[in-house]
Amino acid sequence: MSLRQKKRFVSVRFYSDKQIPFKELSDALEKHFLDSLGVQGKAVQNPKIINFDSKKGILTLRTSLNSVKQTIVSLLLIKKIGLVTVIPKIIEVSGSVKK
């Protein structure tokens, strides 16, 4: 049995009127995950931003295998990033990322 945790990658697109800066996105995700899941839930989920295309608004987020559904629910509950109102849509959940 391996001690290494398996990961899943969640791609989500944020529809908005304005472009979202990376710093605002990372701060908003950090705060949102802590508010919705708590410290222990966030530690179990272990979310990490892998890639973000600010022009298209597409985010790729790494999470643990056991908390994919919690991650999706948390992402879908985001309504604002900074001062920008957003509408999130899950594109794909995958076990690997294309280079």
N, C-alpha and C. Protein backbone atom coordinates (compact mmCIF):
# COMPACT_ATOMS: atom_id res chain seq x y z
N MET A 1 0.84 -1.18 0.00
CA MET A 1 0.00 0.00 0.00
C MET A 1 0.89 1.24 0.00
N SER A 2 0.55 2.20 -0.81
CA SER A 2 1.34 3.42 -0.93
C SER A 2 0.83 4.50 0.02
N LEU A 3 1.73 5.30 0.53
CA LEU A 3 1.35 6.41 1.40
C LEU A 3 1.04 7.67 0.61
N ARG A 4 1.38 7.64 -0.66
CA ARG A 4 1.12 8.81 -1.50
C ARG A 4 -0.38 8.92 -1.79
N GLN A 5 -0.92 10.13 -1.63
CA GLN A 5 -2.35 10.32 -1.87
C GLN A 5 -2.62 10.44 -3.37
N LYS A 6 -3.73 9.87 -3.80
CA LYS A 6 -4.14 10.04 -5.18
C LYS A 6 -4.80 11.39 -5.33
N LYS A 7 -4.69 11.96 -6.53
CA LYS A 7 -5.19 13.30 -6.78
C LYS A 7 -6.21 13.29 -7.91
N ARG A 8 -7.03 14.31 -7.92
CA ARG A 8 -7.93 14.57 -9.03
C ARG A 8 -7.79 16.03 -9.41
N PHE A 9 -8.01 16.32 -10.67
CA PHE A 9 -7.90 17.68 -11.17
C PHE A 9 -9.28 18.15 -11.64
N VAL A 10 -9.69 19.30 -11.15
CA VAL A 10 -11.00 19.86 -11.47
C VAL A 10 -10.77 21.13 -12.29
N SER A 11 -11.37 21.18 -13.47
CA SER A 11 -11.31 22.38 -14.30
C SER A 11 -12.64 23.11 -14.19
N VAL A 12 -12.56 24.41 -13.92
CA VAL A 12 -13.76 25.22 -13.78
C VAL A 12 -13.56 26.52 -14.55
N ARG A 13 -14.64 26.99 -15.15
CA ARG A 13 -14.59 28.26 -15.86
C ARG A 13 -15.44 29.27 -15.11
N PHE A 14 -14.87 30.45 -14.89
CA PHE A 14 -15.57 31.54 -14.23
C PHE A 14 -16.02 32.54 -15.29
N TYR A 15 -17.33 32.65 -15.48
CA TYR A 15 -17.88 33.63 -16.41
C TYR A 15 -18.04 34.96 -15.67
N SER A 16 -17.49 36.03 -16.26
CA SER A 16 -17.59 37.34 -15.63
C SER A 16 -17.47 38.42 -16.70
N ASP A 17 -17.83 39.64 -16.31
CA ASP A 17 -17.73 40.77 -17.24
C ASP A 17 -16.30 41.27 -17.37
N LYS A 18 -15.53 41.13 -16.30
CA LYS A 18 -14.16 41.63 -16.28
C LYS A 18 -13.18 40.48 -16.14
N GLN A 19 -11.92 40.77 -16.45
CA GLN A 19 -10.86 39.80 -16.27
C GLN A 19 -10.54 39.67 -14.78
N ILE A 20 -10.25 38.47 -14.33
CA ILE A 20 -9.98 38.23 -12.91
C ILE A 20 -8.47 38.09 -12.72
N PRO A 21 -7.86 38.95 -11.91
CA PRO A 21 -6.42 38.81 -11.64
C PRO A 21 -6.14 37.56 -10.79
N PHE A 22 -4.97 36.95 -11.00
CA PHE A 22 -4.61 35.72 -10.30
C PHE A 22 -4.55 35.93 -8.80
N LYS A 23 -4.01 37.04 -8.34
CA LYS A 23 -3.87 37.29 -6.90
C LYS A 23 -5.25 37.33 -6.22
N GLU A 24 -6.20 38.03 -6.85
CA GLU A 24 -7.56 38.09 -6.29
C GLU A 24 -8.21 36.71 -6.26
N LEU A 25 -7.99 35.93 -7.33
CA LEU A 25 -8.56 34.58 -7.40
C LEU A 25 -8.00 33.69 -6.30
N SER A 26 -6.69 33.68 -6.14
CA SER A 26 -6.09 32.80 -5.13
C SER A 26 -6.51 33.21 -3.72
N ASP A 27 -6.58 34.51 -3.44
CA ASP A 27 -7.04 34.98 -2.12
C ASP A 27 -8.50 34.60 -1.87
N ALA A 28 -9.34 34.78 -2.89
CA ALA A 28 -10.77 34.47 -2.75
C ALA A 28 -10.99 32.96 -2.55
N LEU A 29 -10.25 32.12 -3.27
CA LEU A 29 -10.38 30.67 -3.10
C LEU A 29 -9.94 30.23 -1.72
N GLU A 30 -8.82 30.78 -1.26
CA GLU A 30 -8.31 30.44 0.08
C GLU A 30 -9.36 30.78 1.15
N LYS A 31 -9.90 31.99 1.07
CA LYS A 31 -10.90 32.43 2.05
C LYS A 31 -12.18 31.60 1.94
N HIS A 32 -12.61 31.34 0.72
CA HIS A 32 -13.86 30.60 0.52
C HIS A 32 -13.75 29.16 1.04
N PHE A 33 -12.64 28.49 0.75
CA PHE A 33 -12.47 27.12 1.22
C PHE A 33 -12.42 27.07 2.74
N LEU A 34 -11.75 28.04 3.37
CA LEU A 34 -11.70 28.07 4.83
C LEU A 34 -13.09 28.33 5.43
N ASP A 35 -13.85 29.25 4.82
CA ASP A 35 -15.19 29.56 5.33
C ASP A 35 -16.15 28.39 5.15
N SER A 36 -16.09 27.73 4.00
CA SER A 36 -17.08 26.68 3.73
C SER A 36 -16.71 25.33 4.34
N LEU A 37 -15.42 25.01 4.43
CA LEU A 37 -15.01 23.68 4.91
C LEU A 37 -14.38 23.68 6.28
N GLY A 38 -13.86 24.82 6.70
CA GLY A 38 -13.13 24.89 7.96
C GLY A 38 -11.68 24.47 7.75
N VAL A 39 -10.90 24.57 8.79
CA VAL A 39 -9.48 24.27 8.69
C VAL A 39 -9.23 22.78 8.43
N GLN A 40 -9.94 21.94 9.14
CA GLN A 40 -9.75 20.50 8.97
C GLN A 40 -10.22 20.03 7.60
N GLY A 41 -11.36 20.53 7.13
CA GLY A 41 -11.87 20.17 5.81
C GLY A 41 -10.95 20.60 4.70
N LYS A 42 -10.37 21.79 4.85
CA LYS A 42 -9.43 22.29 3.84
C LYS A 42 -8.16 21.46 3.84
N ALA A 43 -7.71 21.03 5.02
CA ALA A 43 -6.51 20.20 5.11
C ALA A 43 -6.74 18.83 4.45
N VAL A 44 -7.92 18.27 4.62
CA VAL A 44 -8.24 16.99 3.99
C VAL A 44 -8.37 17.15 2.49
N GLN A 45 -8.99 18.23 2.08
CA GLN A 45 -9.22 18.50 0.66
C GLN A 45 -7.91 18.83 -0.06
N ASN A 46 -7.03 19.57 0.58
CA ASN A 46 -5.72 19.95 0.06
C ASN A 46 -5.79 20.55 -1.35
N PRO A 47 -6.56 21.64 -1.54
CA PRO A 47 -6.66 22.24 -2.87
C PRO A 47 -5.40 23.01 -3.24
N LYS A 48 -5.02 22.92 -4.52
CA LYS A 48 -3.87 23.66 -5.02
C LYS A 48 -4.14 24.11 -6.44
N ILE A 49 -3.88 25.37 -6.73
CA ILE A 49 -4.08 25.90 -8.07
C ILE A 49 -2.95 25.41 -8.96
N ILE A 50 -3.30 24.73 -10.03
CA ILE A 50 -2.30 24.21 -10.97
C ILE A 50 -2.10 25.18 -12.12
N ASN A 51 -3.21 25.70 -12.66
CA ASN A 51 -3.12 26.59 -13.82
C ASN A 51 -4.32 27.54 -13.80
N PHE A 52 -4.10 28.77 -14.27
CA PHE A 52 -5.20 29.72 -14.40
C PHE A 52 -4.98 30.58 -15.63
N ASP A 53 -5.95 30.56 -16.53
CA ASP A 53 -5.92 31.40 -17.73
C ASP A 53 -6.87 32.57 -17.47
N SER A 54 -6.30 33.75 -17.21
CA SER A 54 -7.13 34.89 -16.83
C SER A 54 -7.96 35.43 -18.00
N LYS A 55 -7.51 35.22 -19.23
CA LYS A 55 -8.29 35.70 -20.39
C LYS A 55 -9.56 34.88 -20.58
N LYS A 56 -9.44 33.57 -20.45
CA LYS A 56 -10.60 32.69 -20.62
C LYS A 56 -11.33 32.45 -19.30
N GLY A 57 -10.66 32.70 -18.18
CA GLY A 57 -11.27 32.47 -16.87
C GLY A 57 -11.32 31.01 -16.49
N ILE A 58 -10.37 30.21 -17.01
CA ILE A 58 -10.37 28.77 -16.73
C ILE A 58 -9.32 28.46 -15.66
N LEU A 59 -9.78 27.76 -14.63
CA LEU A 59 -8.94 27.39 -13.50
C LEU A 59 -8.82 25.87 -13.44
N THR A 60 -7.60 25.37 -13.21
CA THR A 60 -7.38 23.96 -12.96
C THR A 60 -6.90 23.84 -11.52
N LEU A 61 -7.61 23.04 -10.75
CA LEU A 61 -7.36 22.92 -9.32
C LEU A 61 -7.11 21.46 -8.99
N ARG A 62 -6.06 21.18 -8.19
CA ARG A 62 -5.77 19.82 -7.75
C ARG A 62 -6.42 19.61 -6.38
N THR A 63 -7.00 18.43 -6.19
CA THR A 63 -7.62 18.09 -4.91
C THR A 63 -7.41 16.61 -4.63
N SER A 64 -7.71 16.18 -3.42
CA SER A 64 -7.54 14.77 -3.09
C SER A 64 -8.71 13.95 -3.67
N LEU A 65 -8.46 12.68 -3.84
CA LEU A 65 -9.43 11.78 -4.45
C LEU A 65 -10.73 11.70 -3.66
N ASN A 66 -10.64 11.70 -2.34
CA ASN A 66 -11.82 11.52 -1.50
C ASN A 66 -12.68 12.77 -1.37
N SER A 67 -12.19 13.92 -1.80
CA SER A 67 -12.95 15.16 -1.60
C SER A 67 -13.29 15.87 -2.90
N VAL A 68 -13.47 15.12 -3.97
CA VAL A 68 -13.79 15.74 -5.26
C VAL A 68 -15.18 16.40 -5.21
N LYS A 69 -16.14 15.72 -4.63
CA LYS A 69 -17.50 16.27 -4.57
C LYS A 69 -17.55 17.53 -3.71
N GLN A 70 -16.82 17.53 -2.59
CA GLN A 70 -16.77 18.73 -1.74
C GLN A 70 -16.14 19.89 -2.48
N THR A 71 -15.10 19.61 -3.26
CA THR A 71 -14.43 20.66 -4.03
C THR A 71 -15.38 21.25 -5.06
N ILE A 72 -16.11 20.40 -5.76
CA ILE A 72 -17.04 20.87 -6.78
C ILE A 72 -18.13 21.74 -6.16
N VAL A 73 -18.69 21.29 -5.05
CA VAL A 73 -19.73 22.06 -4.37
C VAL A 73 -19.17 23.40 -3.90
N SER A 74 -17.97 23.39 -3.34
CA SER A 74 -17.36 24.64 -2.86
C SER A 74 -17.12 25.61 -4.01
N LEU A 75 -16.66 25.10 -5.14
CA LEU A 75 -16.40 25.97 -6.30
C LEU A 75 -17.69 26.54 -6.86
N LEU A 76 -18.75 25.74 -6.88
CA LEU A 76 -20.02 26.21 -7.43
C LEU A 76 -20.70 27.25 -6.54
N LEU A 77 -20.33 27.31 -5.27
CA LEU A 77 -20.93 28.28 -4.35
C LEU A 77 -20.25 29.65 -4.40
N ILE A 78 -19.16 29.78 -5.15
CA ILE A 78 -18.47 31.06 -5.26
C ILE A 78 -19.31 32.00 -6.12
N LYS A 79 -19.60 33.19 -5.59
CA LYS A 79 -20.40 34.17 -6.33
C LYS A 79 -19.59 35.43 -6.68
N LYS A 80 -18.59 35.74 -5.85
CA LYS A 80 -17.77 36.94 -6.09
C LYS A 80 -16.31 36.61 -5.88
N ILE A 81 -15.48 37.17 -6.74
CA ILE A 81 -14.04 37.11 -6.58
C ILE A 81 -13.56 38.56 -6.56
N GLY A 82 -13.17 39.01 -5.38
CA GLY A 82 -12.85 40.43 -5.22
C GLY A 82 -14.14 41.23 -5.35
N LEU A 83 -14.16 42.16 -6.29
CA LEU A 83 -15.36 42.96 -6.56
C LEU A 83 -16.11 42.48 -7.79
N VAL A 84 -15.62 41.43 -8.43
CA VAL A 84 -16.19 40.93 -9.68
C VAL A 84 -17.18 39.80 -9.38
N THR A 85 -18.39 39.92 -9.91
CA THR A 85 -19.38 38.86 -9.78
C THR A 85 -19.09 37.79 -10.83
N VAL A 86 -19.08 36.53 -10.41
CA VAL A 86 -18.75 35.43 -11.32
C VAL A 86 -19.82 34.35 -11.28
N ILE A 87 -19.87 33.58 -12.37
CA ILE A 87 -20.73 32.40 -12.45
C ILE A 87 -19.82 31.22 -12.78
N PRO A 88 -19.61 30.29 -11.83
CA PRO A 88 -18.72 29.15 -12.09
C PRO A 88 -19.43 28.01 -12.81
N LYS A 89 -18.68 27.34 -13.69
CA LYS A 89 -19.19 26.15 -14.38
C LYS A 89 -18.08 25.11 -14.42
N ILE A 90 -18.37 23.92 -13.91
CA ILE A 90 -17.38 22.84 -13.91
C ILE A 90 -17.25 22.30 -15.33
N ILE A 91 -16.02 22.27 -15.83
CA ILE A 91 -15.77 21.79 -17.19
C ILE A 91 -15.49 20.30 -17.18
N GLU A 92 -14.56 19.88 -16.27
CA GLU A 92 -14.11 18.49 -16.32
C GLU A 92 -13.47 18.11 -14.98
N VAL A 93 -13.58 16.84 -14.65
CA VAL A 93 -12.83 16.25 -13.54
C VAL A 93 -12.00 15.13 -14.14
N SER A 94 -10.69 15.18 -13.86
CA SER A 94 -9.78 14.24 -14.50
C SER A 94 -8.78 13.69 -13.49
N GLY A 95 -8.16 12.57 -13.84
CA GLY A 95 -7.13 11.98 -13.01
C GLY A 95 -5.74 12.39 -13.43
N SER A 96 -5.63 13.07 -14.58
CA SER A 96 -4.33 13.54 -15.06
C SER A 96 -4.50 14.84 -15.81
N VAL A 97 -3.41 15.57 -16.00
CA VAL A 97 -3.44 16.84 -16.70
C VAL A 97 -2.59 16.75 -17.94
N LYS A 98 -3.11 17.20 -19.08
CA LYS A 98 -2.32 17.24 -20.30
C LYS A 98 -1.32 18.38 -20.23
N LYS A 99 -0.13 18.14 -20.73
CA LYS A 99 0.90 19.18 -20.71
C LYS A 99 0.72 20.14 -21.85
